[in-house]
Amino acid sequence: MNKRAVVNVPVATVWTSPDSARSLDAGAVSNPVYIKKWLDSLTYETRLALCDENRIQSQALFGQEVLILEEKEGWSHVIVLDQASSKDERGYPGWIPSVQLSEQAVQSTSDSFAIITRKFADLLTEEGDKELQLSYLTSLPVEREDGERLVVRTPSGMKYVKREDVYISTEAVKDRKGNGFDIVKSGEAFLDLPYLWGGMSSYGFDCSGFSYSMCKASGYVIPRDAGDQAKEGMNVPLDQLKAGDLLFFAYEEGKGSIHHVGIYHGDGKMIHSPNTGKTIEIITLEGTYYEKELCVSRRYWQETGDAS
């Protein structure tokens, strides 16, 4: 099939298969989508099952482009094109409910993009009514300026966002590259946010979704998963860490497979999204099992220049 489409809900969850969503996940597979209501309804056990039963792969945001490979009983097998993965050279694979996609990709000759910089921001109608609540880092082509608002192209037509809610970029990601401290500062805005397996939005991040998104907030697009993130970027000796470097942790005291990633905060500390039941936090590494499992660090913010 191989046709392009865009996500037409604020957050589309990318499931492992069409059978992965349970009846209790109805709020996450509908249109309109009810992400907060869905998450609030989950218990620790049903949240944990998203990971332990391999139900979720990732998430994609409103307006994000995907490649549809096939359709099956109301589901679309997709590749999320801007989430690099060793699972598929084209991007991140998985299944999204077809109702959450618009098959006609947004065509734009725009030379600028509005990137949401708040945790959440309203997508408005011309009359100023709230149509959707958009997540952090949602990126939409700018059609024109309209006073304190911007007219943006969306899967549902021309809409508006407030200028104060966005960063205007010449690219779909920030064109001003940040430094390591910028990556850390972006992460601090999400302290105490509950962990979500596969999460890629202000409703919740998993560990690699957090590192991916905070790097992206500073203009760096890195691989989606921790194992892939650990293979790229610049290798940093563990005694030469700087704020914004990514820290990777492996089983068997660092000798086994990588299972976690965090962001070095400075002064022996890490900011990360730990696991189900916990929230984004800053911890001191010394004396923890993380210290024993730390195996490698990568610096992405220096790859295209240090903005400091």
Protein backbone atom coordinates (compact mmCIF):
# COMPACT_ATOMS: atom_id res chain seq x y z
CA MET A 1 0.00 0.00 0.00
CA ASN A 2 2.64 2.53 1.15
CA LYS A 3 0.53 5.67 1.32
CA ARG A 4 1.23 8.65 3.54
CA ALA A 5 -1.10 9.91 6.23
CA VAL A 6 -1.06 12.22 9.24
CA VAL A 7 -2.20 11.76 12.83
CA ASN A 8 -5.53 13.57 13.36
CA VAL A 9 -5.80 13.26 17.17
CA PRO A 10 -3.60 15.00 19.78
CA VAL A 11 -1.82 11.74 20.67
CA ALA A 12 -2.08 8.47 18.74
CA THR A 13 -0.75 5.41 20.52
CA VAL A 14 1.25 3.02 18.34
CA TRP A 15 0.23 -0.50 19.31
CA THR A 16 2.15 -3.73 18.75
CA SER A 17 -0.71 -5.35 16.84
CA PRO A 18 -4.43 -4.81 16.15
CA ASP A 19 -5.13 -7.19 19.04
CA SER A 20 -3.02 -5.29 21.58
CA ALA A 21 -5.65 -2.82 22.77
CA ARG A 22 -7.92 -4.11 25.52
CA SER A 23 -11.53 -3.11 26.14
CA LEU A 24 -10.28 -0.85 28.94
CA ASP A 25 -8.12 0.97 26.36
CA ALA A 26 -11.14 2.25 24.43
CA GLY A 27 -10.39 5.87 25.28
CA ALA A 28 -6.97 5.61 23.62
CA VAL A 29 -8.14 4.11 20.31
CA SER A 30 -11.11 6.37 19.58
CA ASN A 31 -11.58 9.67 17.76
CA PRO A 32 -11.93 11.94 19.62
CA VAL A 33 -9.29 10.40 21.85
CA TYR A 34 -9.43 10.56 25.66
CA ILE A 35 -5.83 10.07 26.75
CA LYS A 36 -6.08 11.57 30.25
CA LYS A 37 -9.32 9.77 31.03
CA TRP A 38 -7.80 6.53 29.78
CA LEU A 39 -4.65 6.90 31.86
CA ASP A 40 -6.61 7.91 34.96
CA SER A 41 -8.68 4.74 34.62
CA LEU A 42 -5.68 2.41 34.61
CA THR A 43 -4.48 0.68 37.74
CA TYR A 44 -0.82 -0.04 38.42
CA GLU A 45 -1.36 -3.57 37.12
CA THR A 46 -3.11 -2.55 33.89
CA ARG A 47 -0.48 0.13 33.25
CA LEU A 48 2.30 -2.37 33.85
CA ALA A 49 0.69 -4.79 31.39
CA LEU A 50 1.24 -2.25 28.58
CA CYS A 51 4.92 -3.09 28.98
CA ASP A 52 4.96 -6.64 30.34
CA GLU A 53 2.51 -7.87 27.72
CA ASN A 54 4.24 -5.90 24.94
CA ARG A 55 1.07 -4.00 23.99
CA ILE A 56 2.48 -0.55 23.11
CA GLN A 57 5.41 0.47 20.91
CA SER A 58 5.37 4.27 20.83
CA GLN A 59 3.14 7.29 20.25
CA ALA A 60 2.77 9.98 17.57
CA LEU A 61 1.49 13.54 17.84
CA PHE A 62 -1.13 15.55 15.96
CA GLY A 63 0.00 16.28 12.42
CA GLN A 64 2.88 13.78 12.56
CA GLU A 65 3.37 11.94 9.29
CA VAL A 66 3.23 8.17 8.99
CA LEU A 67 3.51 5.69 6.15
CA ILE A 68 0.60 3.23 5.96
CA LEU A 69 1.76 -0.24 4.90
CA GLU A 70 -1.58 -2.06 5.15
CA GLU A 71 -5.03 -1.80 6.68
CA LYS A 72 -6.82 -4.50 8.64
CA GLU A 73 -10.22 -4.35 10.31
CA GLY A 74 -10.06 -0.68 11.25
CA TRP A 75 -6.35 -0.64 11.99
CA SER A 76 -3.43 0.72 9.97
CA HIS A 77 0.02 -0.84 10.00
CA VAL A 78 2.28 2.21 9.96
CA ILE A 79 5.81 3.52 10.05
CA VAL A 80 6.30 6.67 12.14
CA LEU A 81 8.72 8.38 9.81
CA ASP A 82 10.59 10.68 12.18
CA GLN A 83 11.22 8.09 14.90
CA ALA A 84 14.37 6.28 13.74
CA SER A 85 14.52 2.62 14.71
CA SER A 86 16.57 -0.50 14.03
CA LYS A 87 13.20 -2.27 13.67
CA ASP A 88 12.71 -0.67 10.24
CA GLU A 89 15.06 1.57 8.28
CA ARG A 90 12.16 3.87 7.38
CA GLY A 91 11.11 4.65 10.96
CA TYR A 92 9.18 3.15 13.87
CA PRO A 93 6.66 0.39 13.02
CA GLY A 94 3.37 -0.43 14.74
CA TRP A 95 -0.40 -0.20 14.48
CA ILE A 96 -2.65 2.86 14.85
CA PRO A 97 -6.47 2.86 14.68
CA SER A 98 -7.35 4.04 11.17
CA VAL A 99 -9.86 6.52 12.62
CA GLN A 100 -6.91 8.40 14.15
CA LEU A 101 -5.32 9.02 10.74
CA SER A 102 -6.13 11.26 7.81
CA GLU A 103 -4.86 9.61 4.65
CA GLN A 104 -4.28 12.84 2.79
CA ALA A 105 -1.02 14.16 4.19
CA VAL A 106 -0.88 17.87 4.90
CA GLN A 107 0.64 19.48 1.82
CA SER A 108 2.48 22.67 2.66
CA THR A 109 4.75 25.10 0.93
CA SER A 110 5.26 26.83 4.25
CA ASP A 111 8.74 27.97 5.17
CA SER A 112 8.01 27.96 8.89
CA PHE A 113 6.55 25.70 11.57
CA ALA A 114 4.86 26.37 14.90
CA ILE A 115 6.27 24.04 17.57
CA ILE A 116 4.36 23.81 20.85
CA THR A 117 6.66 24.79 23.74
CA ARG A 118 4.18 24.44 26.61
CA LYS A 119 3.12 21.14 28.16
CA PHE A 120 -0.24 21.67 26.53
CA ALA A 121 -1.61 24.33 24.20
CA ASP A 122 -5.00 24.91 22.61
CA LEU A 123 -5.71 24.48 18.91
CA LEU A 124 -8.31 27.14 18.17
CA THR A 125 -11.00 27.78 15.58
CA GLU A 126 -11.16 31.13 13.78
CA GLU A 127 -13.73 32.24 16.35
CA GLY A 128 -11.30 31.45 19.17
CA ASP A 129 -13.02 28.30 20.43
CA LYS A 130 -10.84 25.44 21.70
CA GLU A 131 -10.90 22.52 19.30
CA LEU A 132 -8.12 20.30 20.63
CA GLN A 133 -5.51 20.27 23.38
CA LEU A 134 -2.11 19.78 21.76
CA SER A 135 0.91 18.20 23.45
CA TYR A 136 4.41 19.59 23.86
CA LEU A 137 6.48 19.45 20.62
CA THR A 138 3.50 19.17 18.29
CA SER A 139 4.73 20.79 15.07
CA LEU A 140 2.41 22.34 12.46
CA PRO A 141 3.14 24.29 9.24
CA VAL A 142 2.46 28.02 9.53
CA GLU A 143 0.25 29.46 6.80
CA ARG A 144 0.34 33.09 7.95
CA GLU A 145 0.45 35.37 10.96
CA ASP A 146 -2.72 36.88 12.37
CA GLY A 147 -1.87 39.30 15.15
CA GLU A 148 -1.14 37.36 18.34
CA ARG A 149 -2.20 34.14 16.65
CA LEU A 150 -0.78 32.00 13.88
CA VAL A 151 -2.81 30.28 11.20
CA VAL A 152 -1.56 26.68 10.94
CA ARG A 153 -2.30 23.85 8.54
CA THR A 154 -3.73 20.79 10.26
CA PRO A 155 -5.34 17.47 9.28
CA SER A 156 -8.70 19.19 9.96
CA GLY A 157 -7.98 22.32 7.93
CA MET A 158 -6.73 25.79 8.81
CA LYS A 159 -6.69 26.42 12.57
CA TYR A 160 -5.05 28.81 15.00
CA VAL A 161 -2.50 28.69 17.80
CA LYS A 162 -1.39 31.47 20.11
CA ARG A 163 2.03 32.88 19.29
CA GLU A 164 2.96 32.75 23.00
CA ASP A 165 2.51 28.95 22.99
CA VAL A 166 4.95 28.16 20.18
CA TYR A 167 8.47 28.46 18.85
CA ILE A 168 8.50 29.49 15.19
CA SER A 169 11.08 27.45 13.28
CA THR A 170 12.20 27.15 9.67
CA GLU A 171 12.11 23.36 10.18
CA ALA A 172 9.69 20.86 11.72
CA VAL A 173 12.10 20.73 14.69
CA LYS A 174 13.74 23.72 16.34
CA ASP A 175 16.22 25.40 14.02
CA ARG A 176 18.15 26.82 16.98
CA LYS A 177 20.23 24.02 18.45
CA GLY A 178 20.34 24.03 22.22
CA ASN A 179 23.14 22.85 24.48
CA GLY A 180 23.20 20.21 27.19
CA PHE A 181 21.81 22.55 29.82
CA ASP A 182 18.86 23.31 27.54
CA ILE A 183 18.11 19.58 27.30
CA VAL A 184 18.14 19.31 31.10
CA LYS A 185 16.00 22.42 31.52
CA SER A 186 13.39 21.00 29.13
CA GLY A 187 13.28 17.82 31.17
CA GLU A 188 12.85 19.63 34.48
CA ALA A 189 9.50 20.99 33.28
CA PHE A 190 8.13 17.43 33.47
CA LEU A 191 9.27 16.49 36.98
CA ASP A 192 6.66 14.35 38.78
CA LEU A 193 4.94 13.31 35.52
CA PRO A 194 3.96 9.62 35.79
CA TYR A 195 5.89 7.16 33.63
CA LEU A 196 4.06 5.67 30.65
CA TRP A 197 5.42 2.73 28.69
CA GLY A 198 5.68 3.84 25.04
CA GLY A 199 4.85 7.41 26.06
CA MET A 200 5.91 10.28 23.82
CA SER A 201 3.78 13.19 25.01
CA SER A 202 3.00 15.51 27.92
CA TYR A 203 0.62 12.81 29.20
CA GLY A 204 3.58 10.56 29.98
CA PHE A 205 6.97 9.41 28.70
CA ASP A 206 8.88 6.17 28.93
CA CYS A 207 12.62 6.42 29.56
CA SER A 208 13.72 6.64 25.93
CA GLY A 209 10.69 8.68 24.92
CA PHE A 210 11.78 11.21 27.53
CA SER A 211 15.37 11.40 26.28
CA TYR A 212 14.18 11.48 22.65
CA SER A 213 11.72 14.31 23.32
CA MET A 214 14.05 16.46 25.43
CA CYS A 215 16.77 16.20 22.79
CA LYS A 216 14.20 17.05 20.12
CA ALA A 217 13.13 20.09 22.17
CA SER A 218 16.67 21.40 21.66
CA GLY A 219 16.73 20.64 17.94
CA TYR A 220 18.24 17.15 17.91
CA VAL A 221 16.35 14.22 16.40
CA ILE A 222 17.78 10.99 17.79
CA PRO A 223 16.70 7.32 17.58
CA ARG A 224 13.50 6.37 19.42
CA ASP A 225 14.65 3.46 21.63
CA ALA A 226 17.39 3.30 24.25
CA GLY A 227 19.30 0.47 22.55
CA ASP A 228 19.48 2.45 19.31
CA GLN A 229 20.26 5.72 21.10
CA ALA A 230 23.26 4.05 22.75
CA LYS A 231 24.77 3.19 19.36
CA GLU A 232 24.80 6.70 17.91
CA GLY A 233 25.87 10.15 19.04
CA MET A 234 29.38 10.82 20.38
CA ASN A 235 30.80 8.39 22.91
CA VAL A 236 31.63 10.14 26.19
CA PRO A 237 33.96 8.62 28.82
CA LEU A 238 32.03 8.17 32.05
CA ASP A 239 34.49 10.40 33.91
CA GLN A 240 33.91 13.27 31.46
CA LEU A 241 30.12 13.62 31.63
CA LYS A 242 28.40 16.96 31.06
CA ALA A 243 24.79 17.99 31.60
CA GLY A 244 22.61 16.79 28.73
CA ASP A 245 24.59 13.62 28.01
CA LEU A 246 22.52 10.45 27.81
CA LEU A 247 23.31 7.67 30.28
CA PHE A 248 22.61 4.04 29.44
CA PHE A 249 22.12 1.17 31.82
CA ALA A 250 22.42 -2.56 31.20
CA TYR A 251 21.58 -5.75 33.06
CA GLU A 252 24.31 -7.85 34.67
CA GLU A 253 25.95 -4.75 36.17
CA GLY A 254 26.42 -3.10 32.81
CA LYS A 255 27.51 -6.17 30.84
CA GLY A 256 24.12 -7.33 29.57
CA SER A 257 21.51 -5.76 27.32
CA ILE A 258 20.57 -2.10 27.71
CA HIS A 259 17.26 -1.58 29.50
CA HIS A 260 17.20 2.08 30.55
CA VAL A 261 18.33 5.59 29.60
CA GLY A 262 18.47 8.83 31.57
CA ILE A 263 19.84 12.33 31.07
CA TYR A 264 22.88 13.45 33.04
CA HIS A 265 21.83 16.40 35.19
CA GLY A 266 25.28 17.36 36.46
CA ASP A 267 26.98 16.89 39.84
CA GLY A 268 26.52 13.11 39.78
CA LYS A 269 22.78 13.33 39.25
CA MET A 270 20.39 12.05 36.59
CA ILE A 271 16.94 13.13 35.45
CA HIS A 272 14.89 10.26 34.04
CA SER A 273 11.52 8.60 33.68
CA PRO A 274 12.09 5.43 35.77
CA ASN A 275 9.33 2.84 35.29
CA THR A 276 5.63 2.11 35.82
CA GLY A 277 4.37 3.45 39.13
CA LYS A 278 7.05 6.12 39.38
CA THR A 279 7.38 9.68 38.10
CA ILE A 280 10.07 11.71 36.34
CA GLU A 281 12.68 12.51 38.95
CA ILE A 282 16.20 13.75 39.61
CA ILE A 283 18.34 11.29 41.57
CA THR A 284 21.93 10.99 42.74
CA LEU A 285 23.54 7.99 41.05
CA GLU A 286 26.07 7.15 43.75
CA GLY A 287 25.04 4.18 45.86
CA THR A 288 22.16 3.10 43.61
CA TYR A 289 21.81 0.05 41.39
CA TYR A 290 21.90 2.50 38.48
CA GLU A 291 25.51 3.27 39.38
CA LYS A 292 26.37 -0.41 39.02
CA GLU A 293 24.49 -0.77 35.72
CA LEU A 294 25.80 2.38 34.02
CA CYS A 295 27.63 1.18 30.91
CA VAL A 296 27.91 3.95 28.31
CA SER A 297 27.14 7.62 27.65
CA ARG A 298 26.37 9.42 24.40
CA ARG A 299 26.41 13.13 23.63
CA TYR A 300 24.00 14.25 20.92
CA TRP A 301 24.01 17.97 21.59
CA GLN A 302 27.65 18.27 20.55
CA GLU A 303 27.16 16.43 17.26
CA THR A 304 26.01 19.56 15.44
CA GLY A 305 27.60 22.15 17.65
CA ASP A 306 27.51 23.42 21.21
CA ALA A 307 25.24 26.42 21.55
CA SER A 308 26.81 27.53 24.83
